[in-house]
Amino acid sequence: MQGDGDDPAVSRGEQIQAAEREAAKRRILAQADADRIPVEETTQAVPERRWRRGQQ
């Protein structure tokens, strides 16, 4: 029956798009994880001396 939303071509196309979105999401998360700097390698922010001198 037409109009029931059971069209296999549409459903297959939606499944393909969903799979592509999921694959893209995984690639983005993998790249972000690769670019991430571990917290152990970061330092605490300290104000510059020039700024502190100007505040006195």
Protein backbone atom coordinates (compact mmCIF):
# COMPACT_ATOMS: atom_id res chain seq x y z
CA MET A 1 0.00 0.00 0.00
CA GLN A 2 1.26 3.47 -0.88
CA GLY A 3 1.75 6.07 1.83
CA ASP A 4 2.33 3.64 4.70
CA GLY A 5 6.05 4.43 4.91
CA ASP A 6 6.93 0.82 4.10
CA ASP A 7 8.72 1.68 0.85
CA PRO A 8 11.88 -0.48 0.94
CA ALA A 9 13.89 1.97 -1.20
CA VAL A 10 13.29 4.81 1.26
CA SER A 11 14.01 2.63 4.26
CA ARG A 12 17.23 1.31 2.69
CA GLY A 13 18.32 4.85 1.82
CA GLU A 14 17.66 5.99 5.37
CA GLN A 15 19.62 3.01 6.71
CA ILE A 16 22.57 3.88 4.45
CA GLN A 17 22.49 7.52 5.57
CA ALA A 18 22.34 6.51 9.22
CA ALA A 19 25.31 4.17 8.74
CA GLU A 20 27.28 6.95 7.00
CA ARG A 21 26.47 9.40 9.81
CA GLU A 22 27.59 6.86 12.41
CA ALA A 23 30.84 6.18 10.51
CA ALA A 24 31.52 9.92 10.22
CA LYS A 25 30.82 10.37 13.93
CA ARG A 26 33.29 7.59 14.79
CA ARG A 27 35.97 9.14 12.54
CA ILE A 28 35.50 12.55 14.18
CA LEU A 29 35.67 11.08 17.68
CA ALA A 30 38.77 9.05 16.79
CA GLN A 31 40.47 12.18 15.42
CA ALA A 32 39.52 14.19 18.51
CA ASP A 33 40.88 11.45 20.74
CA ALA A 34 44.13 11.38 18.76
CA ASP A 35 44.48 15.18 19.07
CA ARG A 36 43.65 15.21 22.78
CA ILE A 37 46.40 16.32 25.17
CA PRO A 38 46.46 14.20 28.35
CA VAL A 39 45.85 16.22 31.49
CA GLU A 40 49.21 15.07 32.88
CA GLU A 41 50.94 16.98 30.07
CA THR A 42 49.18 20.28 30.71
CA THR A 43 50.34 22.99 33.07
CA GLN A 44 48.42 25.33 35.31
CA ALA A 45 47.83 28.74 33.83
CA VAL A 46 49.82 31.51 35.54
CA PRO A 47 49.26 35.22 34.87
CA GLU A 48 52.04 36.93 32.97
CA ARG A 49 54.33 39.15 35.00
CA ARG A 50 53.60 42.10 32.72
CA TRP A 51 49.90 41.86 33.58
CA ARG A 52 50.58 41.56 37.32
CA ARG A 53 52.95 44.54 37.22
CA GLY A 54 50.28 46.67 35.56
CA GLN A 55 47.79 45.86 38.34
CA GLN A 56 49.94 47.08 41.23
